Amino acid sequence: MKIAIPFEKGEVFAHFGKTPAFLIAEVEKGQLLNPTVVETAGAGHGALAGFLQRHQVQCCLCLNLGQGAYNALTAAGIQVIRGVGGDALQQAQRFAQGEISDDPTAVCSHHEHHEGHSCHCSK
């Protein structure tokens, strides 16, 4: 399975739709293989589901995201695991070992994107 995590400076990036990059890796038999940082090159919000599809990602781990992003990812056949924050590589390894599951309460509900919105909303 190929996974992706919104990524910046080693951490899970809090605002999925504005992530500058993804940590993308293979998960096989409890192991994390070939972790690579892939820049989004300015792709954001609605374009990210297609970006992840092109990279053959099957599961996206994120801190929180709005319903629109959740719907776009799931419509693209990408499983979503919410409620994942902190060190991105550590979280990817935890997922590979079966230690992480989706937290459906980790949503961002105020997506009017007014100036200064930092998307640190959480559970």
N, C-alpha and C. Protein backbone atom coordinates (compact mmCIF):
# COMPACT_ATOMS: atom_id res chain seq x y z
N MET A 1 0.85 -1.18 0.00
CA MET A 1 0.00 0.00 0.00
C MET A 1 0.90 1.24 0.00
N LYS A 2 0.52 2.23 -0.80
CA LYS A 2 1.28 3.48 -0.82
C LYS A 2 0.50 4.51 -0.01
N ILE A 3 1.22 5.18 0.91
CA ILE A 3 0.60 6.19 1.76
C ILE A 3 1.22 7.56 1.50
N ALA A 4 0.47 8.60 1.89
CA ALA A 4 0.96 9.97 1.77
C ALA A 4 0.57 10.74 3.03
N ILE A 5 1.43 11.67 3.42
CA ILE A 5 1.18 12.53 4.58
C ILE A 5 1.53 13.97 4.17
N PRO A 6 0.59 14.93 4.37
CA PRO A 6 0.94 16.34 4.13
C PRO A 6 2.18 16.68 4.96
N PHE A 7 3.16 17.35 4.35
CA PHE A 7 4.49 17.42 4.95
C PHE A 7 5.11 18.80 4.84
N GLU A 8 5.72 19.23 5.95
CA GLU A 8 6.57 20.43 5.94
C GLU A 8 7.53 20.35 7.12
N LYS A 9 8.81 20.51 6.84
CA LYS A 9 9.86 20.54 7.87
C LYS A 9 9.79 19.35 8.81
N GLY A 10 9.55 18.17 8.27
CA GLY A 10 9.56 16.95 9.05
C GLY A 10 8.27 16.64 9.79
N GLU A 11 7.32 17.56 9.75
CA GLU A 11 6.07 17.41 10.50
C GLU A 11 4.88 17.18 9.57
N VAL A 12 3.81 16.64 10.15
CA VAL A 12 2.54 16.55 9.43
C VAL A 12 2.03 17.98 9.27
N PHE A 13 1.86 18.42 8.03
CA PHE A 13 1.40 19.79 7.78
C PHE A 13 -0.08 19.88 8.11
N ALA A 14 -0.46 20.89 8.89
CA ALA A 14 -1.81 20.97 9.45
C ALA A 14 -2.90 21.32 8.44
N HIS A 15 -2.58 22.06 7.39
CA HIS A 15 -3.63 22.46 6.44
C HIS A 15 -3.48 21.65 5.16
N PHE A 16 -4.20 20.56 5.08
CA PHE A 16 -4.11 19.62 3.96
C PHE A 16 -4.13 20.34 2.61
N GLY A 17 -5.08 21.23 2.40
CA GLY A 17 -5.28 21.88 1.11
C GLY A 17 -4.17 22.82 0.69
N LYS A 18 -3.29 23.17 1.61
CA LYS A 18 -2.19 24.08 1.28
C LYS A 18 -0.82 23.45 1.53
N THR A 19 -0.78 22.13 1.63
CA THR A 19 0.49 21.48 1.92
C THR A 19 1.50 21.73 0.79
N PRO A 20 2.73 22.05 1.14
CA PRO A 20 3.74 22.27 0.10
C PRO A 20 4.31 20.95 -0.45
N ALA A 21 4.11 19.85 0.29
CA ALA A 21 4.68 18.57 -0.11
C ALA A 21 3.97 17.43 0.61
N PHE A 22 4.21 16.23 0.13
CA PHE A 22 3.73 15.03 0.81
C PHE A 22 4.92 14.11 1.06
N LEU A 23 4.91 13.46 2.21
CA LEU A 23 5.80 12.34 2.45
C LEU A 23 5.06 11.13 1.89
N ILE A 24 5.63 10.48 0.90
CA ILE A 24 5.00 9.33 0.26
C ILE A 24 5.90 8.12 0.48
N ALA A 25 5.28 6.99 0.88
CA ALA A 25 6.05 5.78 1.15
C ALA A 25 5.19 4.55 0.91
N GLU A 26 5.84 3.42 0.73
CA GLU A 26 5.18 2.13 0.62
C GLU A 26 5.11 1.51 2.02
N VAL A 27 4.00 0.84 2.28
CA VAL A 27 3.86 0.07 3.51
C VAL A 27 3.68 -1.38 3.10
N GLU A 28 4.57 -2.23 3.62
CA GLU A 28 4.52 -3.64 3.26
C GLU A 28 4.94 -4.49 4.45
N LYS A 29 4.06 -5.40 4.87
CA LYS A 29 4.34 -6.33 5.96
C LYS A 29 4.86 -5.63 7.21
N GLY A 30 4.21 -4.53 7.58
CA GLY A 30 4.58 -3.81 8.79
C GLY A 30 5.81 -2.93 8.67
N GLN A 31 6.34 -2.81 7.46
CA GLN A 31 7.54 -2.01 7.23
C GLN A 31 7.22 -0.79 6.37
N LEU A 32 7.93 0.29 6.62
CA LEU A 32 7.84 1.51 5.82
C LEU A 32 9.01 1.48 4.84
N LEU A 33 8.69 1.54 3.54
CA LEU A 33 9.72 1.43 2.51
C LEU A 33 9.78 2.68 1.64
N ASN A 34 10.96 3.11 1.30
CA ASN A 34 11.22 4.18 0.34
C ASN A 34 10.49 5.49 0.64
N PRO A 35 10.57 6.01 1.87
CA PRO A 35 9.92 7.30 2.12
C PRO A 35 10.58 8.41 1.29
N THR A 36 9.75 9.18 0.60
CA THR A 36 10.22 10.23 -0.28
C THR A 36 9.34 11.46 -0.12
N VAL A 37 9.94 12.63 -0.11
CA VAL A 37 9.18 13.87 -0.06
C VAL A 37 8.96 14.34 -1.49
N VAL A 38 7.67 14.54 -1.83
CA VAL A 38 7.29 14.97 -3.17
C VAL A 38 6.58 16.32 -3.05
N GLU A 39 7.13 17.34 -3.68
CA GLU A 39 6.53 18.68 -3.62
C GLU A 39 5.28 18.73 -4.49
N THR A 40 4.29 19.51 -4.04
CA THR A 40 3.03 19.63 -4.76
C THR A 40 3.11 20.63 -5.91
N ALA A 41 4.17 21.40 -5.99
CA ALA A 41 4.37 22.38 -7.07
C ALA A 41 3.17 23.31 -7.20
N GLY A 42 2.61 23.70 -6.07
CA GLY A 42 1.52 24.66 -6.07
C GLY A 42 0.14 24.05 -6.18
N ALA A 43 0.05 22.75 -6.40
CA ALA A 43 -1.27 22.10 -6.44
C ALA A 43 -1.89 22.24 -5.06
N GLY A 44 -3.16 22.54 -5.00
CA GLY A 44 -3.80 22.71 -3.71
C GLY A 44 -5.24 22.31 -3.75
N HIS A 45 -5.83 22.26 -2.60
CA HIS A 45 -7.23 21.92 -2.38
C HIS A 45 -7.75 20.87 -3.36
N GLY A 46 -8.60 21.23 -4.30
CA GLY A 46 -9.26 20.27 -5.18
C GLY A 46 -8.31 19.48 -6.06
N ALA A 47 -7.14 20.01 -6.35
CA ALA A 47 -6.19 19.32 -7.22
C ALA A 47 -5.42 18.22 -6.49
N LEU A 48 -5.45 18.21 -5.18
CA LEU A 48 -4.62 17.27 -4.44
C LEU A 48 -5.07 15.82 -4.57
N ALA A 49 -6.36 15.57 -4.71
CA ALA A 49 -6.82 14.19 -4.88
C ALA A 49 -6.23 13.62 -6.17
N GLY A 50 -6.25 14.38 -7.25
CA GLY A 50 -5.65 13.94 -8.51
C GLY A 50 -4.15 13.79 -8.40
N PHE A 51 -3.50 14.71 -7.68
CA PHE A 51 -2.06 14.64 -7.45
C PHE A 51 -1.71 13.32 -6.78
N LEU A 52 -2.47 12.97 -5.73
CA LEU A 52 -2.19 11.73 -5.00
C LEU A 52 -2.52 10.51 -5.86
N GLN A 53 -3.56 10.58 -6.66
CA GLN A 53 -3.88 9.47 -7.58
C GLN A 53 -2.74 9.24 -8.56
N ARG A 54 -2.19 10.32 -9.11
CA ARG A 54 -1.09 10.20 -10.07
C ARG A 54 0.14 9.55 -9.43
N HIS A 55 0.27 9.71 -8.11
CA HIS A 55 1.38 9.09 -7.39
C HIS A 55 0.98 7.72 -6.83
N GLN A 56 -0.17 7.23 -7.23
CA GLN A 56 -0.67 5.90 -6.87
C GLN A 56 -0.82 5.71 -5.36
N VAL A 57 -1.20 6.78 -4.68
CA VAL A 57 -1.42 6.73 -3.23
C VAL A 57 -2.77 6.08 -2.96
N GLN A 58 -2.80 5.18 -1.98
CA GLN A 58 -4.03 4.50 -1.61
C GLN A 58 -4.57 4.93 -0.26
N CYS A 59 -3.73 5.64 0.53
CA CYS A 59 -4.15 6.08 1.86
C CYS A 59 -3.44 7.38 2.21
N CYS A 60 -4.21 8.35 2.72
CA CYS A 60 -3.65 9.63 3.13
C CYS A 60 -3.85 9.81 4.62
N LEU A 61 -2.78 10.05 5.34
CA LEU A 61 -2.82 10.33 6.77
C LEU A 61 -2.72 11.83 6.94
N CYS A 62 -3.58 12.42 7.75
CA CYS A 62 -3.55 13.87 7.93
C CYS A 62 -4.01 14.23 9.34
N LEU A 63 -3.72 15.47 9.73
CA LEU A 63 -4.14 15.94 11.03
C LEU A 63 -5.65 16.13 11.06
N ASN A 64 -6.14 16.92 10.15
CA ASN A 64 -7.57 17.15 10.00
C ASN A 64 -7.81 17.72 8.62
N LEU A 65 -9.02 17.62 8.13
CA LEU A 65 -9.35 18.21 6.85
C LEU A 65 -10.85 18.42 6.77
N GLY A 66 -11.25 19.28 5.87
CA GLY A 66 -12.66 19.59 5.70
C GLY A 66 -13.39 18.49 4.95
N GLN A 67 -14.70 18.58 4.97
CA GLN A 67 -15.53 17.56 4.33
C GLN A 67 -15.31 17.51 2.83
N GLY A 68 -15.07 18.65 2.19
CA GLY A 68 -14.83 18.66 0.75
C GLY A 68 -13.59 17.86 0.37
N ALA A 69 -12.51 18.05 1.11
CA ALA A 69 -11.27 17.31 0.85
C ALA A 69 -11.48 15.83 1.13
N TYR A 70 -12.18 15.53 2.21
CA TYR A 70 -12.47 14.14 2.55
C TYR A 70 -13.26 13.48 1.41
N ASN A 71 -14.29 14.17 0.93
CA ASN A 71 -15.11 13.63 -0.15
C ASN A 71 -14.30 13.43 -1.43
N ALA A 72 -13.44 14.39 -1.77
CA ALA A 72 -12.61 14.28 -2.98
C ALA A 72 -11.66 13.09 -2.89
N LEU A 73 -11.04 12.92 -1.74
CA LEU A 73 -10.10 11.81 -1.57
C LEU A 73 -10.81 10.47 -1.63
N THR A 74 -11.90 10.35 -0.91
CA THR A 74 -12.60 9.06 -0.91
C THR A 74 -13.20 8.76 -2.28
N ALA A 75 -13.68 9.79 -3.00
CA ALA A 75 -14.20 9.58 -4.35
C ALA A 75 -13.10 9.11 -5.30
N ALA A 76 -11.87 9.50 -5.01
CA ALA A 76 -10.71 9.08 -5.80
C ALA A 76 -10.20 7.70 -5.38
N GLY A 77 -10.88 7.08 -4.41
CA GLY A 77 -10.48 5.76 -3.95
C GLY A 77 -9.35 5.77 -2.95
N ILE A 78 -9.12 6.93 -2.33
CA ILE A 78 -8.03 7.07 -1.36
C ILE A 78 -8.62 7.02 0.05
N GLN A 79 -8.15 6.08 0.84
CA GLN A 79 -8.57 5.96 2.24
C GLN A 79 -8.01 7.16 3.00
N VAL A 80 -8.77 7.68 3.96
CA VAL A 80 -8.33 8.83 4.74
C VAL A 80 -8.22 8.43 6.21
N ILE A 81 -7.08 8.75 6.81
CA ILE A 81 -6.85 8.53 8.23
C ILE A 81 -6.63 9.91 8.84
N ARG A 82 -7.59 10.37 9.65
CA ARG A 82 -7.52 11.70 10.27
C ARG A 82 -7.03 11.58 11.71
N GLY A 83 -6.54 12.71 12.22
CA GLY A 83 -6.09 12.77 13.61
C GLY A 83 -4.63 12.44 13.80
N VAL A 84 -3.84 12.53 12.72
CA VAL A 84 -2.42 12.18 12.77
C VAL A 84 -1.60 13.46 12.73
N GLY A 85 -0.83 13.73 13.77
CA GLY A 85 -0.01 14.93 13.82
C GLY A 85 1.37 14.63 14.38
N GLY A 86 2.25 15.62 14.29
CA GLY A 86 3.59 15.47 14.84
C GLY A 86 4.59 15.08 13.77
N ASP A 87 5.60 14.32 14.17
CA ASP A 87 6.67 13.91 13.28
C ASP A 87 6.11 12.98 12.19
N ALA A 88 6.21 13.40 10.94
CA ALA A 88 5.58 12.68 9.83
C ALA A 88 6.16 11.28 9.64
N LEU A 89 7.46 11.14 9.69
CA LEU A 89 8.09 9.84 9.49
C LEU A 89 7.71 8.87 10.61
N GLN A 90 7.71 9.36 11.84
CA GLN A 90 7.30 8.51 12.97
C GLN A 90 5.85 8.05 12.81
N GLN A 91 4.99 8.95 12.37
CA GLN A 91 3.58 8.59 12.20
C GLN A 91 3.41 7.59 11.06
N ALA A 92 4.18 7.74 10.00
CA ALA A 92 4.13 6.77 8.91
C ALA A 92 4.56 5.39 9.39
N GLN A 93 5.60 5.35 10.22
CA GLN A 93 6.06 4.08 10.77
C GLN A 93 5.02 3.48 11.71
N ARG A 94 4.38 4.31 12.51
CA ARG A 94 3.32 3.82 13.38
C ARG A 94 2.17 3.23 12.57
N PHE A 95 1.81 3.90 11.47
CA PHE A 95 0.75 3.39 10.61
C PHE A 95 1.16 2.03 10.03
N ALA A 96 2.39 1.93 9.56
CA ALA A 96 2.89 0.68 8.98
C ALA A 96 2.79 -0.48 9.97
N GLN A 97 2.95 -0.16 11.25
CA GLN A 97 2.90 -1.18 12.30
C GLN A 97 1.48 -1.41 12.83
N GLY A 98 0.50 -0.75 12.21
CA GLY A 98 -0.90 -0.95 12.59
C GLY A 98 -1.33 -0.23 13.85
N GLU A 99 -0.60 0.81 14.23
CA GLU A 99 -0.87 1.52 15.48
C GLU A 99 -1.79 2.73 15.32
N ILE A 100 -2.21 3.05 14.10
CA ILE A 100 -3.01 4.26 13.86
C ILE A 100 -4.29 3.88 13.13
N SER A 101 -5.39 4.48 13.56
CA SER A 101 -6.65 4.33 12.85
C SER A 101 -7.30 5.71 12.70
N ASP A 102 -8.32 5.79 11.87
CA ASP A 102 -8.98 7.05 11.58
C ASP A 102 -9.70 7.61 12.81
N ASP A 103 -9.58 8.91 13.00
CA ASP A 103 -10.34 9.62 14.03
C ASP A 103 -11.31 10.55 13.30
N PRO A 104 -12.57 10.12 13.13
CA PRO A 104 -13.53 10.92 12.36
C PRO A 104 -13.90 12.24 13.02
N THR A 105 -13.48 12.48 14.26
CA THR A 105 -13.76 13.77 14.90
C THR A 105 -12.71 14.82 14.55
N ALA A 106 -11.63 14.42 13.90
CA ALA A 106 -10.55 15.35 13.55
C ALA A 106 -10.89 16.02 12.22
N VAL A 107 -11.79 17.00 12.29
CA VAL A 107 -12.24 17.69 11.08
C VAL A 107 -12.01 19.18 11.22
N CYS A 108 -11.91 19.83 10.10
CA CYS A 108 -11.82 21.28 10.06
C CYS A 108 -13.15 21.76 9.53
N SER A 109 -13.93 22.40 10.38
CA SER A 109 -15.29 22.76 10.01
C SER A 109 -15.46 24.20 9.57
N HIS A 110 -14.44 25.03 9.67
CA HIS A 110 -14.60 26.43 9.26
C HIS A 110 -13.71 26.71 8.05
N HIS A 111 -14.18 26.25 6.90
CA HIS A 111 -13.41 26.39 5.68
C HIS A 111 -13.87 27.54 4.80
N GLU A 112 -14.14 28.67 5.42
CA GLU A 112 -14.40 29.86 4.62
C GLU A 112 -13.09 30.44 4.11
N HIS A 113 -11.98 29.99 4.67
CA HIS A 113 -10.63 30.41 4.30
C HIS A 113 -10.44 31.91 4.38
N HIS A 114 -10.95 32.49 5.46
CA HIS A 114 -10.71 33.90 5.66
C HIS A 114 -9.25 34.12 6.02
N GLU A 115 -8.80 35.31 5.80
CA GLU A 115 -7.41 35.66 6.03
C GLU A 115 -6.98 35.29 7.45
N GLY A 116 -5.83 34.66 7.56
CA GLY A 116 -5.30 34.30 8.86
C GLY A 116 -5.76 32.93 9.35
N HIS A 117 -6.60 32.25 8.58
CA HIS A 117 -7.07 30.91 8.99
C HIS A 117 -5.89 29.97 8.96
N SER A 118 -5.55 29.39 10.10
CA SER A 118 -4.36 28.54 10.17
C SER A 118 -4.70 27.06 10.16
N CYS A 119 -5.96 26.71 10.21
CA CYS A 119 -6.42 25.33 10.12
C CYS A 119 -5.84 24.44 11.21
N HIS A 120 -5.70 24.99 12.39
CA HIS A 120 -5.26 24.18 13.52
C HIS A 120 -6.45 23.69 14.31
N CYS A 121 -7.61 23.70 13.67
CA CYS A 121 -8.79 23.17 14.34
C CYS A 121 -8.58 21.67 14.49
N SER A 122 -9.20 21.12 15.47
CA SER A 122 -9.04 19.68 15.68
C SER A 122 -10.22 19.16 16.46
N LYS A 123 -10.03 17.98 16.99
CA LYS A 123 -11.07 17.25 17.68
C LYS A 123 -11.82 18.07 18.70
